[in-house]
Protein backbone atom coordinates (compact mmCIF):
# COMPACT_ATOMS: atom_id res chain seq x y z
CA UNK A 1 0.00 0.00 0.00
CA UNK A 2 1.17 3.54 -0.72
CA UNK A 3 0.96 6.07 2.10
CA UNK A 4 0.78 9.84 2.29
CA UNK A 5 2.48 11.88 5.02
CA UNK A 6 0.46 14.67 6.61
CA UNK A 7 2.32 17.39 8.54
CA UNK A 8 1.28 20.42 10.54
CA UNK A 9 3.70 22.69 12.40
CA UNK A 10 3.65 24.60 15.66
CA UNK A 11 6.45 27.16 15.42
CA UNK A 12 7.63 29.02 18.52
CA UNK A 13 9.37 32.30 17.71
CA UNK A 14 11.10 34.41 20.36
CA UNK A 15 10.56 38.12 19.79
CA UNK A 16 13.56 40.43 19.96
CA UNK A 17 12.14 42.85 22.49
CA UNK A 18 14.60 44.15 25.08
CA UNK A 19 12.37 43.11 27.97
CA UNK A 20 10.11 40.15 28.71
CA UNK A 21 6.44 39.92 27.87
CA UNK A 22 5.03 40.71 31.33
CA UNK A 23 7.93 42.31 33.24
CA UNK A 24 10.98 44.52 32.73
CA UNK A 25 13.63 41.77 32.96
CA UNK A 26 16.18 41.66 30.12
CA UNK A 27 15.83 39.12 27.33
CA UNK A 28 19.53 39.19 26.38
CA UNK A 29 20.85 35.80 25.28
CA UNK A 30 23.79 34.13 27.06
CA UNK A 31 23.62 35.80 30.49
CA UNK A 32 24.72 33.95 33.62
CA UNK A 33 22.00 31.55 34.83
CA UNK A 34 19.19 33.04 36.90
CA UNK A 35 20.43 36.63 36.72
CA UNK A 36 17.52 37.93 34.60
CA UNK A 37 14.52 37.07 36.76
CA UNK A 38 12.16 38.94 39.05
CA UNK A 39 9.06 38.12 41.16
CA UNK A 40 6.83 38.27 38.05
CA UNK A 41 8.69 35.86 35.76
CA UNK A 42 9.69 33.70 38.74
CA UNK A 43 6.00 33.27 39.56
CA UNK A 44 6.14 34.53 43.13
CA UNK A 45 2.79 35.02 44.93
CA UNK A 46 1.27 38.48 44.55
CA UNK A 47 3.39 39.51 41.52
CA UNK A 48 1.21 40.90 38.72
CA UNK A 49 1.98 40.82 34.97
CA UNK A 50 1.85 43.91 32.71
CA UNK A 51 1.72 43.35 28.93
CA UNK A 52 4.66 44.61 26.87
CA UNK A 53 3.12 46.79 24.13
CA UNK A 54 5.86 45.88 21.64
CA UNK A 55 4.82 42.23 21.82
CA UNK A 56 1.29 43.16 20.82
CA UNK A 57 2.53 45.25 17.89
CA UNK A 58 4.87 42.48 16.72
CA UNK A 59 2.03 39.95 16.82
CA UNK A 60 -0.21 42.14 14.66
CA UNK A 61 2.59 42.72 12.15
CA UNK A 62 3.33 38.98 11.95
CA UNK A 63 -0.35 38.30 11.37
CA UNK A 64 -0.51 40.82 8.55
CA UNK A 65 2.61 39.33 6.95
CA UNK A 66 0.91 35.91 7.00
CA UNK A 67 -2.42 37.18 5.62
CA UNK A 68 -4.30 36.61 8.90
CA UNK A 69 -7.45 38.14 10.28
CA UNK A 70 -6.51 40.42 13.17
CA UNK A 71 -8.78 40.18 16.19
CA UNK A 72 -10.45 43.35 17.39
CA UNK A 73 -10.65 41.82 20.88
CA UNK A 74 -8.08 39.38 22.22
CA UNK A 75 -7.32 38.04 25.68
CA UNK A 76 -4.92 35.78 27.53
CA UNK A 77 -5.62 32.40 29.09
CA UNK A 78 -3.86 30.43 31.79
CA UNK A 79 -2.45 27.08 30.70
CA UNK A 80 -1.76 24.89 33.72
CA UNK A 81 1.05 22.35 33.73
CA UNK A 82 3.67 21.25 36.19
CA UNK A 83 7.17 20.99 34.76
CA UNK A 84 10.37 21.96 36.61
CA UNK A 85 11.28 24.53 33.93
CA UNK A 86 7.98 26.34 34.53
CA UNK A 87 8.36 28.38 37.75
CA UNK A 88 4.69 29.49 37.92
CA UNK A 89 3.24 26.01 37.32
CA UNK A 90 1.22 27.68 34.58
CA UNK A 91 1.89 29.55 31.36
CA UNK A 92 0.12 32.70 30.25
CA UNK A 93 -0.92 31.95 26.66
CA UNK A 94 -3.92 32.32 24.32
CA UNK A 95 -6.44 29.66 23.36
CA UNK A 96 -9.96 31.00 23.01
CA UNK A 97 -9.33 34.46 21.50
CA UNK A 98 -5.91 34.44 19.75
CA UNK A 99 -4.70 37.68 18.26
CA UNK A 100 -4.46 36.31 14.67
CA UNK A 101 -6.28 33.54 12.84
CA UNK A 102 -7.25 32.17 9.40
CA UNK A 103 -4.13 33.16 7.50
CA UNK A 104 -1.95 31.53 4.87
CA UNK A 105 1.51 31.67 3.34
CA UNK A 106 2.63 30.66 -0.15
CA UNK A 107 6.16 29.52 -0.96
CA UNK A 108 8.22 27.58 -3.51
CA UNK A 109 9.00 23.93 -2.85
CA UNK A 110 11.22 23.18 -5.84
CA UNK A 111 8.29 21.34 -7.40
CA UNK A 112 5.96 24.33 -7.63
CA UNK A 113 4.06 26.74 -5.40
CA UNK A 114 2.58 25.58 -2.11
CA UNK A 115 -0.05 27.25 0.04
CA UNK A 116 -0.17 26.43 3.76
CA UNK A 117 -3.01 27.72 5.88
CA UNK A 118 -2.33 29.34 9.25
CA UNK A 119 -4.76 28.23 11.94
CA UNK A 120 -3.77 30.95 14.38
CA UNK A 121 -0.94 33.02 15.86
CA UNK A 122 -0.99 33.61 19.58
CA UNK A 123 1.15 35.37 22.15
CA UNK A 124 2.60 33.57 25.14
CA UNK A 125 5.54 33.47 27.53
CA UNK A 126 8.45 31.06 27.21
CA UNK A 127 9.45 28.60 29.93
CA UNK A 128 12.88 28.30 31.53
CA UNK A 129 15.53 25.80 30.50
CA UNK A 130 16.86 22.64 32.15
CA UNK A 131 20.48 21.51 32.03
CA UNK A 132 21.15 17.84 32.73
CA UNK A 133 24.44 16.69 34.25
CA UNK A 134 24.60 12.98 33.44
CA UNK A 135 27.80 12.44 35.43
CA UNK A 136 26.39 13.83 38.67
CA UNK A 137 22.89 12.61 37.94
CA UNK A 138 21.32 16.01 38.59
CA UNK A 139 19.47 18.66 36.60
CA UNK A 140 19.73 22.43 36.94
CA UNK A 141 17.08 25.00 36.11
CA UNK A 142 17.85 28.38 34.50
CA UNK A 143 14.85 30.73 34.53
CA UNK A 144 16.41 33.53 32.48
CA UNK A 145 14.28 32.45 29.51
CA UNK A 146 11.07 32.27 31.56
CA UNK A 147 8.84 35.11 30.42
CA UNK A 148 10.64 35.80 27.15
CA UNK A 149 7.89 36.74 24.65
CA UNK A 150 6.86 34.11 22.11
CA UNK A 151 4.63 33.98 19.10
CA UNK A 152 3.30 30.50 18.44
CA UNK A 153 2.38 30.07 14.79
CA UNK A 154 0.10 27.06 14.25
CA UNK A 155 -0.47 25.74 10.74
CA UNK A 156 -3.14 23.49 9.35
CA UNK A 157 -1.96 19.97 8.32
CA UNK A 158 -1.22 21.04 4.75
CA UNK A 159 2.36 19.81 4.27
CA UNK A 160 3.19 16.41 2.81
CA UNK A 161 6.91 15.95 3.49
CA UNK A 162 9.79 17.11 5.63
CA UNK A 163 11.11 19.03 2.62
CA UNK A 164 7.88 21.04 2.40
CA UNK A 165 8.03 21.72 6.14
CA UNK A 166 11.59 23.03 5.79
CA UNK A 167 10.61 25.22 2.82
CA UNK A 168 7.78 26.66 4.93
CA UNK A 169 10.15 27.39 7.83
CA UNK A 170 12.67 29.06 5.53
CA UNK A 171 9.99 31.34 4.10
CA UNK A 172 8.60 32.06 7.57
CA UNK A 173 12.07 32.96 8.84
CA UNK A 174 12.57 35.34 5.92
CA UNK A 175 9.24 37.06 6.55
CA UNK A 176 9.83 37.53 10.29
CA UNK A 177 13.39 38.77 9.80
CA UNK A 178 12.20 41.25 7.15
CA UNK A 179 9.73 42.52 9.76
CA UNK A 180 12.62 42.81 12.23
CA UNK A 181 10.65 41.19 15.08
CA UNK A 182 12.90 38.14 15.62
CA UNK A 183 16.35 36.95 14.63
CA UNK A 184 14.93 33.39 14.21
CA UNK A 185 18.26 31.81 15.15
CA UNK A 186 17.35 28.17 15.54
CA UNK A 187 20.77 27.36 17.01
CA UNK A 188 20.02 29.73 19.90
CA UNK A 189 16.47 28.50 20.37
CA UNK A 190 14.77 31.67 19.17
CA UNK A 191 12.89 29.63 16.57
CA UNK A 192 11.75 26.09 17.39
CA UNK A 193 9.37 23.79 15.58
CA UNK A 194 7.05 21.05 16.80
CA UNK A 195 6.19 18.61 14.00
CA UNK A 196 2.72 17.04 14.13
CA UNK A 197 2.74 14.08 11.76
CA UNK A 198 0.48 11.25 10.68
CA UNK A 199 0.27 8.91 7.70
CA UNK A 200 -2.72 7.67 5.76
CA UNK A 201 -3.36 5.55 2.67
CA UNK A 202 -2.69 7.54 -0.50
CA UNK A 203 -5.92 9.07 -1.79
CA UNK A 204 -7.67 8.96 1.59
CA UNK A 205 -9.25 12.10 3.03
CA UNK A 206 -9.28 10.79 6.60
CA UNK A 207 -6.45 11.81 8.91
CA UNK A 208 -4.39 9.17 10.68
CA UNK A 209 -3.36 9.28 14.34
CA UNK A 210 -0.76 11.99 14.75
CA UNK A 211 2.29 12.24 16.94
CA UNK A 212 4.12 15.39 17.96
CA UNK A 213 7.90 15.75 17.91
CA UNK A 214 8.91 18.61 20.19
CA UNK A 215 11.43 21.43 19.97
CA UNK A 216 13.28 20.66 16.74
CA UNK A 217 15.96 23.31 16.40
CA UNK A 218 17.35 22.91 12.86
CA UNK A 219 16.10 22.37 9.34
CA UNK A 220 18.03 19.10 9.22
CA UNK A 221 16.29 17.88 12.38
CA UNK A 222 12.87 18.73 10.92
CA UNK A 223 13.62 16.94 7.65
CA UNK A 224 15.10 13.84 9.30
CA UNK A 225 12.49 13.65 12.06
CA UNK A 226 9.67 13.73 9.51
CA UNK A 227 11.31 11.00 7.43
CA UNK A 228 12.01 8.77 10.44
CA UNK A 229 8.53 9.19 11.94
CA UNK A 230 6.87 8.48 8.59
CA UNK A 231 8.85 5.26 8.29
CA UNK A 232 8.04 4.27 11.90
CA UNK A 233 4.30 4.84 11.56
CA UNK A 234 4.09 2.97 8.24
CA UNK A 235 5.91 0.01 9.80
CA UNK A 236 3.38 -0.05 12.68
CA UNK A 237 0.41 0.04 10.31
CA UNK A 238 1.91 -2.58 7.99
CA UNK A 239 2.35 -4.94 10.94
CA UNK A 240 -1.32 -4.54 11.89
CA UNK A 241 -0.71 -2.24 14.86
CA UNK A 242 -2.11 1.17 15.78
CA UNK A 243 -0.18 4.41 16.10
CA UNK A 244 -0.39 5.90 19.59
CA UNK A 245 -1.18 9.61 19.94
CA UNK A 246 1.82 10.85 21.89
CA UNK A 247 4.58 13.41 22.23
CA UNK A 248 8.00 12.16 21.10
CA UNK A 249 11.60 13.34 21.28
CA UNK A 250 13.82 13.06 18.19
CA UNK A 251 17.46 12.02 18.66
CA UNK A 252 19.49 13.70 15.91
CA UNK A 253 22.46 11.33 16.38
CA UNK A 254 20.46 8.11 16.25
CA UNK A 255 18.02 9.50 13.65
CA UNK A 256 15.07 8.09 15.60
CA UNK A 257 12.43 9.26 18.05
CA UNK A 258 11.37 7.94 21.45
CA UNK A 259 8.08 8.36 23.29
CA UNK A 260 7.95 10.98 26.06
CA UNK A 261 4.31 11.02 27.16
CA UNK A 262 0.77 10.74 25.94
CA UNK A 263 -0.30 13.78 23.91
CA UNK A 264 -2.22 16.25 26.02
CA UNK A 265 -5.42 17.88 24.85
CA UNK A 266 -6.69 21.35 25.77
CA UNK A 267 -8.77 19.85 28.59
CA UNK A 268 -5.62 18.45 30.22
CA UNK A 269 -4.23 21.94 30.67
CA UNK A 270 -7.36 23.24 32.44
CA UNK A 271 -7.39 26.48 30.43
CA UNK A 272 -9.28 29.41 31.89
CA UNK A 273 -9.17 33.20 31.29
CA UNK A 274 -6.05 34.78 32.81
CA UNK A 275 -7.42 36.66 35.86
CA UNK A 276 -4.51 39.12 36.14
CA UNK A 277 -4.76 40.57 32.62
CA UNK A 278 -7.64 42.41 30.96
CA UNK A 279 -8.77 41.80 27.39
CA UNK A 280 -7.03 43.90 24.73
CA UNK A 281 -8.97 45.83 22.09
CA UNK A 282 -7.23 46.60 18.80
CA UNK A 283 -8.70 49.44 16.76
CA UNK A 284 -9.09 48.88 13.01
CA UNK A 285 -7.22 52.14 12.48
CA UNK A 286 -4.21 50.71 14.34
CA UNK A 287 -4.24 47.55 12.24
CA UNK A 288 -4.48 49.52 8.98
CA UNK A 289 -1.68 51.84 10.05
CA UNK A 290 0.57 48.82 10.67
CA UNK A 291 -0.52 47.30 7.36
CA UNK A 292 0.61 50.44 5.55
CA UNK A 293 4.04 50.11 7.18
CA UNK A 294 4.68 46.57 5.93
CA UNK A 295 8.12 46.25 4.29
CA UNK A 296 8.79 45.10 0.74
CA UNK A 297 9.25 41.35 1.27
CA UNK A 298 11.73 39.09 -0.50
CA UNK A 299 9.45 38.05 -3.40
CA UNK A 300 8.56 41.61 -4.38
CA UNK A 301 12.15 42.75 -3.90
CA UNK A 302 13.44 39.88 -6.06
CA UNK A 303 11.14 40.85 -8.93
CA UNK A 304 12.18 44.49 -8.62
CA UNK A 305 15.90 43.64 -8.59
CA UNK A 306 15.48 41.68 -11.82
CA UNK A 307 13.54 44.52 -13.39
CA UNK A 308 15.57 47.52 -12.19
CA UNK A 309 19.09 46.10 -12.03
CA UNK A 310 18.99 43.50 -14.78
CA UNK A 311 19.94 40.64 -12.46
CA UNK A 312 19.09 37.02 -13.13
CA UNK A 313 16.30 35.49 -11.07
CA UNK A 314 18.70 33.22 -9.14
CA UNK A 315 21.10 36.04 -8.21
CA UNK A 316 18.26 38.33 -7.19
CA UNK A 317 16.62 35.64 -5.05
CA UNK A 318 19.90 34.98 -3.22
CA UNK A 319 20.40 38.68 -2.51
CA UNK A 320 16.85 39.08 -1.23
CA UNK A 321 16.73 36.14 1.17
CA UNK A 322 17.99 38.47 3.91
CA UNK A 323 16.87 42.07 4.26
CA UNK A 324 20.34 43.25 5.35
CA UNK A 325 21.96 41.75 2.27
CA UNK A 326 19.40 43.29 -0.08
CA UNK A 327 19.80 46.71 1.54
CA UNK A 328 23.60 46.48 1.36
CA UNK A 329 23.33 45.67 -2.35
CA UNK A 330 21.18 48.72 -3.10
CA UNK A 331 23.32 51.03 -0.96
CA UNK A 332 26.49 49.93 -2.79
CA UNK A 333 24.91 50.34 -6.23
CA UNK A 334 23.65 53.79 -5.26
CA UNK A 335 27.29 54.84 -4.65
CA UNK A 336 28.12 54.05 -8.29
CA UNK A 337 29.15 50.39 -8.29
CA UNK A 338 28.00 48.16 -11.16
CA UNK A 339 25.08 45.99 -10.04
CA UNK A 340 26.46 42.70 -11.38
CA UNK A 341 29.80 43.22 -9.62
CA UNK A 342 28.08 43.93 -6.31
CA UNK A 343 25.87 40.89 -6.75
CA UNK A 344 28.91 38.69 -7.47
CA UNK A 345 30.75 39.79 -4.33
CA UNK A 346 27.71 39.39 -2.08
CA UNK A 347 26.49 36.10 -3.52
CA UNK A 348 30.00 34.74 -3.94
CA UNK A 349 32.70 35.65 -1.42
CA UNK A 350 30.28 36.97 1.21
CA UNK A 351 28.17 33.80 1.35
CA UNK A 352 31.34 31.70 1.23
CA UNK A 353 32.81 33.45 4.28
CA UNK A 354 29.48 33.28 6.10
CA UNK A 355 29.46 29.52 5.63
CA UNK A 356 33.07 29.18 6.74
CA UNK A 357 32.51 31.35 9.82
CA UNK A 358 29.17 29.56 10.47
CA UNK A 359 27.46 32.94 10.76
CA UNK A 360 24.15 33.25 8.98
CA UNK A 361 23.25 36.90 9.34
CA UNK A 362 26.18 39.10 10.41
CA UNK A 363 27.47 41.68 7.95
CA UNK A 364 30.10 43.92 9.55
CA UNK A 365 31.30 45.74 6.44
CA UNK A 366 29.50 48.76 5.00
CA UNK A 367 28.38 49.66 1.49
CA UNK A 368 31.09 52.33 1.32
CA UNK A 369 33.79 49.72 1.94
CA UNK A 370 32.44 47.34 -0.71
CA UNK A 371 32.19 50.19 -3.23
CA UNK A 372 35.84 51.12 -2.60
CA UNK A 373 36.95 47.51 -3.14
CA UNK A 374 35.09 47.23 -6.45
CA UNK A 375 36.52 50.56 -7.60
CA UNK A 376 40.08 49.42 -6.78
CA UNK A 377 39.55 46.45 -9.10
CA UNK A 378 37.91 48.50 -11.83
CA UNK A 379 40.73 51.07 -11.77
CA UNK A 380 43.32 48.29 -12.08
CA UNK A 381 44.95 49.06 -8.75
CA UNK A 382 44.51 45.47 -7.50
CA UNK A 383 43.72 42.21 -9.27
CA UNK A 384 41.01 39.70 -8.35
CA UNK A 385 43.36 37.49 -6.34
CA UNK A 386 44.51 40.40 -4.18
CA UNK A 387 40.93 41.62 -3.93
CA UNK A 388 39.89 38.39 -2.20
CA UNK A 389 42.56 38.94 0.47
CA UNK A 390 41.41 42.52 0.94
CA UNK A 391 37.77 41.45 1.08
CA UNK A 392 38.37 38.85 3.80
CA UNK A 393 39.91 41.49 6.06
CA UNK A 394 37.10 43.87 5.21
CA UNK A 395 34.51 41.17 5.98
CA UNK A 396 35.99 40.39 9.39
CA UNK A 397 36.83 43.89 10.59
CA UNK A 398 35.19 46.38 8.19
CA UNK A 399 38.72 47.37 7.12
CA UNK A 400 39.06 50.29 4.72
CA UNK A 401 40.20 48.63 1.44
CA UNK A 402 42.19 51.64 0.23
CA UNK A 403 44.16 51.94 3.47
CA UNK A 404 44.73 48.18 3.64
CA UNK A 405 46.11 48.07 0.08
CA UNK A 406 48.38 51.04 0.80
CA UNK A 407 49.66 49.69 4.15
CA UNK A 408 50.34 46.19 2.75
CA UNK A 409 51.84 47.44 -0.53
CA UNK A 410 49.37 45.46 -2.61
CA UNK A 411 48.79 47.98 -5.40
CA UNK A 412 49.62 46.85 -8.94
CA UNK A 413 52.30 48.69 -10.87
CA UNK A 414 51.55 50.29 -14.24
CA UNK A 415 55.12 51.54 -14.73
CA UNK A 416 55.83 50.73 -18.39
CA UNK A 417 59.62 50.81 -18.00
CA UNK A 418 59.45 48.28 -15.16
CA UNK A 419 57.06 46.07 -17.13
CA UNK A 420 59.24 46.32 -20.30
CA UNK A 421 62.22 45.06 -18.33
CA UNK A 422 60.19 42.09 -17.04
CA UNK A 423 59.06 41.35 -20.60
CA UNK A 424 62.67 41.22 -21.78
CA UNK A 425 63.53 38.75 -19.02
CA UNK A 426 60.58 36.54 -19.99
CA UNK A 427 61.43 36.72 -23.74
CA UNK A 428 65.01 35.65 -23.07
CA UNK A 429 63.82 32.73 -20.92
CA UNK A 430 61.14 31.60 -23.41
CA UNK A 431 62.38 32.07 -26.99
CA UNK A 432 60.16 29.29 -28.34
CA UNK A 433 57.02 31.06 -27.09
CA UNK A 434 58.20 34.30 -28.69
CA UNK A 435 58.73 32.46 -31.96
CA UNK A 436 55.30 30.83 -31.72
CA UNK A 437 53.63 34.21 -31.29
CA UNK A 438 55.42 35.67 -34.28
CA UNK A 439 54.34 32.66 -36.30
CA UNK A 440 50.70 33.42 -35.62
CA UNK A 441 50.02 31.28 -32.55
CA UNK A 442 47.95 33.70 -30.46
CA UNK A 443 47.89 31.45 -27.39
CA UNK A 444 51.57 32.13 -26.84
CA UNK A 445 50.75 35.70 -25.83
CA UNK A 446 48.67 34.51 -22.89
CA UNK A 447 51.51 32.27 -21.76
CA UNK A 448 54.02 35.11 -21.94
CA UNK A 449 51.71 37.51 -20.08
CA UNK A 450 51.28 34.90 -17.36
CA UNK A 451 55.05 34.58 -17.03
CA UNK A 452 55.41 38.35 -16.62
CA UNK A 453 52.64 38.40 -13.98
CA UNK A 454 54.48 35.64 -12.11
CA UNK A 455 57.82 37.42 -12.42
CA UNK A 456 56.18 40.55 -11.03
CA UNK A 457 54.65 38.62 -8.09
CA UNK A 458 51.18 39.48 -9.32
CA UNK A 459 51.74 43.18 -8.72
CA UNK A 460 51.85 44.39 -12.30
CA UNK A 461 48.71 45.53 -14.04
CA UNK A 462 47.60 42.93 -16.66
CA UNK A 463 46.26 45.37 -19.26
CA UNK A 464 49.48 47.35 -19.22
CA UNK A 465 51.52 44.13 -19.43
CA UNK A 466 49.62 43.05 -22.55
CA UNK A 467 50.00 46.49 -24.15
CA UNK A 468 53.74 46.74 -23.48
CA UNK A 469 54.37 43.13 -24.50
CA UNK A 470 52.67 43.56 -27.87
CA UNK A 471 54.72 46.69 -28.52
CA UNK A 472 57.93 44.86 -27.68
CA UNK A 473 57.09 41.86 -29.86
CA UNK A 474 56.10 44.00 -32.81
CA UNK A 475 59.33 46.03 -32.59
CA UNK A 476 61.40 42.83 -32.34
């Protein structure tokens, strides 16, 4: 029997506000354990929450970016559960009146366009984090993350493979980063995905029993977890068994999942309206004002780059994946650099160094620096090989290319007397090549030019070398 995989996602996105959702504690990543907590986020008796207005604004903007209906009245609910990383023994979340609902997002899958419906987006607070010391047999709790603002984006079960789920997450990350409301760094936990997955006979409209794999923190984990769980569920059904509705943990090393607990339903959490927070009313005028401030997203920007700058679709799409990269491109072109050259440096050496440094979104150098580098090449002051050395220093430290070339003595020489002397040395060492050129073998010229470049340690200007060499050969 052939089976179809059915996937829905619950994506938790940490917002990049400076303070937590219901108190003034810092949200900075990497602080010493339990140094960013207060009576509110520690859940002490009598401490009252106050909603961070920026969280509300970010939620509305995310909803608009995902084509959602924005609620005119929204409220918070109390979700009760008892885990050691949850200091309050409950989480302030939204169930009955989420801020956004009934949206959708379209994206490319490599096999065509895909539309995934958004069930809802709701605001909530994050829990703390547990650290397990297997040698000592103890666990430690860090509550710095407790109270960090989250958006939970819940999709309908519209995806049919791990690859589609990854494509959705990539597009979602791009949208949220263009909005500037989250850095979406999965490696730091600021974007995490729960994969709800079931299988059913191909062609069936009935859903199978789903499982949930929690807190997947990389695209690879999402792709591999979906593949492994699909295989596991099919094996159970083929053997005549029944899939159990449960929450599972995926082991990225073993490429398999293990059961954690039975899957809770809403009734298990004993939801009720949060008594310490009033309902929030969002005026239509506020929503429309935020709609008018939406940025130009990657798809629209890609089309415009092709149209205005004459770039190919692939180059434009690469540039527009990240807002910072796209803005750096336009700033550099506006200074006078040729669009194709800027695109080549950003899509080539920049992405290469990002991969080597394992940094996905940091760009330290400015448009002014990149423009200067391209101009140095265009003016023949440095060659492409030297330019790569200059660029690497510029990438790491925003070094001024002109000063670096001057300080390191990297400028190419255009002194014709110096180049003529080098040509004579090369002619004397390669008489056969000189004879070949004079006998009409044009390739010999390239060989001779290369020898001069080598003799000059790469610091002689190629165009001038070719010009002087031809003059010397013609004069005998």
